[in-house]
Amino acid sequence: PFTDVKEGSYYYKAVLWANENNVTAGLTATTFGPTALCNRAQVVTFLYNAMGKPEVNSTEHKFTDVDEGKFYYTPMLWAVENGITAGLTETTFGPNAICNRAQVVTFLYRLYNK
């Protein structure tokens, strides 16, 4: 469904899977943004969605940069509750901070080795 995801690209099937399984949508109705960078809010949301949006027991958090009602609010609670991330500092989650490859594989490792 995305004009910027060409058949034959290494990520073609992954993007289709992510879209079909509601892991993520496009940046617009017709573009995915395969070269766009991801931030921490997006990555924890991808993981949360990929796991089927599991129930979250926690409603409390210590992050001053996270407001209830944001798209990543419940995924952030889930990620912290499950030890996938603790935030950038004791009081900041850093939702807009770019998530580098090391952080992504660390999130994945913690997700699958808890």
C-alpha atoms as a PDB file:
ATOM      1  CA  PRO A   1       0.000   0.000   0.000  1.00  0.00           C
ATOM      2  CA  PHE A   2       3.020   2.338   0.212  1.00  0.00           C
ATOM      3  CA  THR A   3       4.506   4.124  -2.781  1.00  0.00           C
ATOM      4  CA  ASP A   4       7.938   4.323  -1.130  1.00  0.00           C
ATOM      5  CA  VAL A   5       8.241   0.585  -0.399  1.00  0.00           C
ATOM      6  CA  LYS A   6       9.324  -1.151  -3.559  1.00  0.00           C
ATOM      7  CA  GLU A   7       8.827  -4.845  -4.158  1.00  0.00           C
ATOM      8  CA  GLY A   8      12.213  -6.513  -4.023  1.00  0.00           C
ATOM      9  CA  SER A   9      13.607  -4.209  -1.336  1.00  0.00           C
ATOM     10  CA  TYR A  10      15.035  -6.065   1.660  1.00  0.00           C
ATOM     11  CA  TYR A  11      12.338  -4.626   3.939  1.00  0.00           C
ATOM     12  CA  TYR A  12       9.370  -5.110   1.586  1.00  0.00           C
ATOM     13  CA  LYS A  13       7.924  -8.210   3.292  1.00  0.00           C
ATOM     14  CA  ALA A  14       8.682  -6.858   6.770  1.00  0.00           C
ATOM     15  CA  VAL A  15       6.819  -3.615   6.075  1.00  0.00           C
ATOM     16  CA  LEU A  16       3.824  -5.500   4.683  1.00  0.00           C
ATOM     17  CA  TRP A  17       3.813  -7.792   7.728  1.00  0.00           C
ATOM     18  CA  ALA A  18       4.074  -4.871  10.160  1.00  0.00           C
ATOM     19  CA  ASN A  19       1.237  -3.043   8.424  1.00  0.00           C
ATOM     20  CA  GLU A  20      -1.022  -6.093   8.094  1.00  0.00           C
ATOM     21  CA  ASN A  21      -0.451  -7.062  11.745  1.00  0.00           C
ATOM     22  CA  ASN A  22      -1.009  -3.550  13.111  1.00  0.00           C
ATOM     23  CA  VAL A  23       2.534  -3.273  14.414  1.00  0.00           C
ATOM     24  CA  THR A  24       2.776   0.072  12.654  1.00  0.00           C
ATOM     25  CA  ALA A  25       1.035   2.120  10.014  1.00  0.00           C
ATOM     26  CA  GLY A  26       2.562   4.404   7.437  1.00  0.00           C
ATOM     27  CA  LEU A  27       3.634   7.960   7.982  1.00  0.00           C
ATOM     28  CA  THR A  28       0.763   8.848   5.647  1.00  0.00           C
ATOM     29  CA  ALA A  29      -1.904   6.811   3.890  1.00  0.00           C
ATOM     30  CA  THR A  30       0.482   6.171   0.978  1.00  0.00           C
ATOM     31  CA  THR A  31       4.001   6.434   2.436  1.00  0.00           C
ATOM     32  CA  PHE A  32       5.848   4.335   4.991  1.00  0.00           C
ATOM     33  CA  GLY A  33       9.105   6.274   5.356  1.00  0.00           C
ATOM     34  CA  PRO A  34      11.603   3.410   5.178  1.00  0.00           C
ATOM     35  CA  THR A  35      14.605   5.703   5.670  1.00  0.00           C
ATOM     36  CA  ALA A  36      13.018   7.767   8.468  1.00  0.00           C
ATOM     37  CA  LEU A  37      14.616   7.441  11.893  1.00  0.00           C
ATOM     38  CA  CYS A  38      12.636   5.998  14.808  1.00  0.00           C
ATOM     39  CA  ASN A  39      12.392   7.453  18.270  1.00  0.00           C
ATOM     40  CA  ARG A  40      11.980   5.610  21.562  1.00  0.00           C
ATOM     41  CA  ALA A  41       8.229   6.211  21.639  1.00  0.00           C
ATOM     42  CA  GLN A  42       7.817   4.567  18.232  1.00  0.00           C
ATOM     43  CA  VAL A  43      10.056   1.594  19.034  1.00  0.00           C
ATOM     44  CA  VAL A  44       8.313   0.669  22.291  1.00  0.00           C
ATOM     45  CA  THR A  45       5.001   1.049  20.460  1.00  0.00           C
ATOM     46  CA  PHE A  46       6.162  -1.310  17.686  1.00  0.00           C
ATOM     47  CA  LEU A  47       7.200  -3.898  20.285  1.00  0.00           C
ATOM     48  CA  TYR A  48       3.989  -3.522  22.282  1.00  0.00           C
ATOM     49  CA  ASN A  49       1.861  -3.885  19.150  1.00  0.00           C
ATOM     50  CA  ALA A  50       3.923  -6.846  17.889  1.00  0.00           C
ATOM     51  CA  MET A  51       3.284  -8.628  21.203  1.00  0.00           C
ATOM     52  CA  GLY A  52      -0.460  -8.227  20.716  1.00  0.00           C
ATOM     53  CA  LYS A  53      -0.972  -5.193  22.970  1.00  0.00           C
ATOM     54  CA  PRO A  54      -0.720  -7.116  26.234  1.00  0.00           C
ATOM     55  CA  GLU A  55      -2.495  -5.950  29.347  1.00  0.00           C
ATOM     56  CA  VAL A  56      -0.594  -3.471  31.463  1.00  0.00           C
ATOM     57  CA  ASN A  57      -0.842  -3.659  35.232  1.00  0.00           C
ATOM     58  CA  SER A  58       0.970  -0.438  36.030  1.00  0.00           C
ATOM     59  CA  THR A  59      -0.622   2.981  35.751  1.00  0.00           C
ATOM     60  CA  GLU A  60       2.092   4.917  37.575  1.00  0.00           C
ATOM     61  CA  HIS A  61       5.367   6.165  36.155  1.00  0.00           C
ATOM     62  CA  LYS A  62       8.145   8.523  37.199  1.00  0.00           C
ATOM     63  CA  PHE A  63       8.814  10.228  33.862  1.00  0.00           C
ATOM     64  CA  THR A  64       8.287  13.973  33.674  1.00  0.00           C
ATOM     65  CA  ASP A  65       8.386  13.929  29.849  1.00  0.00           C
ATOM     66  CA  VAL A  66       5.486  11.498  29.332  1.00  0.00           C
ATOM     67  CA  ASP A  67       1.893  12.668  29.354  1.00  0.00           C
ATOM     68  CA  GLU A  68      -1.133  10.414  29.607  1.00  0.00           C
ATOM     69  CA  GLY A  69      -3.006  10.197  26.324  1.00  0.00           C
ATOM     70  CA  LYS A  70       0.056  10.090  24.081  1.00  0.00           C
ATOM     71  CA  PHE A  71       0.113   7.221  21.553  1.00  0.00           C
ATOM     72  CA  TYR A  72       3.079   5.673  23.341  1.00  0.00           C
ATOM     73  CA  TYR A  73       1.756   6.034  26.912  1.00  0.00           C
ATOM     74  CA  THR A  74       0.516   2.450  27.392  1.00  0.00           C
ATOM     75  CA  PRO A  75       3.422   0.914  25.409  1.00  0.00           C
ATOM     76  CA  MET A  76       5.842   2.875  27.625  1.00  0.00           C
ATOM     77  CA  LEU A  77       4.129   1.585  30.781  1.00  0.00           C
ATOM     78  CA  TRP A  78       4.320  -1.952  29.380  1.00  0.00           C
ATOM     79  CA  ALA A  79       7.994  -1.632  28.407  1.00  0.00           C
ATOM     80  CA  VAL A  80       8.966  -0.340  31.846  1.00  0.00           C
ATOM     81  CA  GLU A  81       6.781  -2.874  33.659  1.00  0.00           C
ATOM     82  CA  ASN A  82       8.453  -5.695  31.716  1.00  0.00           C
ATOM     83  CA  GLY A  83      12.025  -4.453  32.134  1.00  0.00           C
ATOM     84  CA  ILE A  84      12.483  -3.646  28.449  1.00  0.00           C
ATOM     85  CA  THR A  85      13.540  -0.100  29.302  1.00  0.00           C
ATOM     86  CA  ALA A  86      13.943   1.943  32.425  1.00  0.00           C
ATOM     87  CA  GLY A  87      14.096   5.289  30.656  1.00  0.00           C
ATOM     88  CA  LEU A  88      17.024   7.498  29.746  1.00  0.00           C
ATOM     89  CA  THR A  89      17.362   8.811  33.295  1.00  0.00           C
ATOM     90  CA  GLU A  90      15.586   8.273  36.574  1.00  0.00           C
ATOM     91  CA  THR A  91      12.913  10.818  35.621  1.00  0.00           C
ATOM     92  CA  THR A  92      12.939  10.933  31.799  1.00  0.00           C
ATOM     93  CA  PHE A  93      11.807   8.422  29.239  1.00  0.00           C
ATOM     94  CA  GLY A  94      13.023  10.395  26.231  1.00  0.00           C
ATOM     95  CA  PRO A  95      10.126   9.650  23.874  1.00  0.00           C
ATOM     96  CA  ASN A  96      11.560  11.824  21.099  1.00  0.00           C
ATOM     97  CA  ALA A  97      15.142  10.595  21.428  1.00  0.00           C
ATOM     98  CA  ILE A  98      16.360   8.705  18.387  1.00  0.00           C
ATOM     99  CA  CYS A  99      16.635   4.998  19.080  1.00  0.00           C
ATOM    100  CA  ASN A 100      19.923   3.644  17.778  1.00  0.00           C
ATOM    101  CA  ARG A 101      20.566   0.071  16.680  1.00  0.00           C
ATOM    102  CA  ALA A 102      22.170  -0.846  20.013  1.00  0.00           C
ATOM    103  CA  GLN A 103      19.101   0.323  21.902  1.00  0.00           C
ATOM    104  CA  VAL A 104      16.748  -1.592  19.601  1.00  0.00           C
ATOM    105  CA  VAL A 105      18.634  -4.867  19.975  1.00  0.00           C
ATOM    106  CA  THR A 106      18.805  -4.295  23.737  1.00  0.00           C
ATOM    107  CA  PHE A 107      15.026  -3.828  23.846  1.00  0.00           C
ATOM    108  CA  LEU A 108      14.605  -7.017  21.792  1.00  0.00           C
ATOM    109  CA  TYR A 109      17.015  -8.944  24.010  1.00  0.00           C
ATOM    110  CA  ARG A 110      15.198  -7.855  27.156  1.00  0.00           C
ATOM    111  CA  LEU A 111      11.840  -8.657  25.585  1.00  0.00           C
ATOM    112  CA  TYR A 112      12.833 -12.207  24.717  1.00  0.00           C
ATOM    113  CA  ASN A 113      15.035 -12.925  27.751  1.00  0.00           C
ATOM    114  CA  LYS A 114      12.894 -11.781  30.660  1.00  0.00           C
END
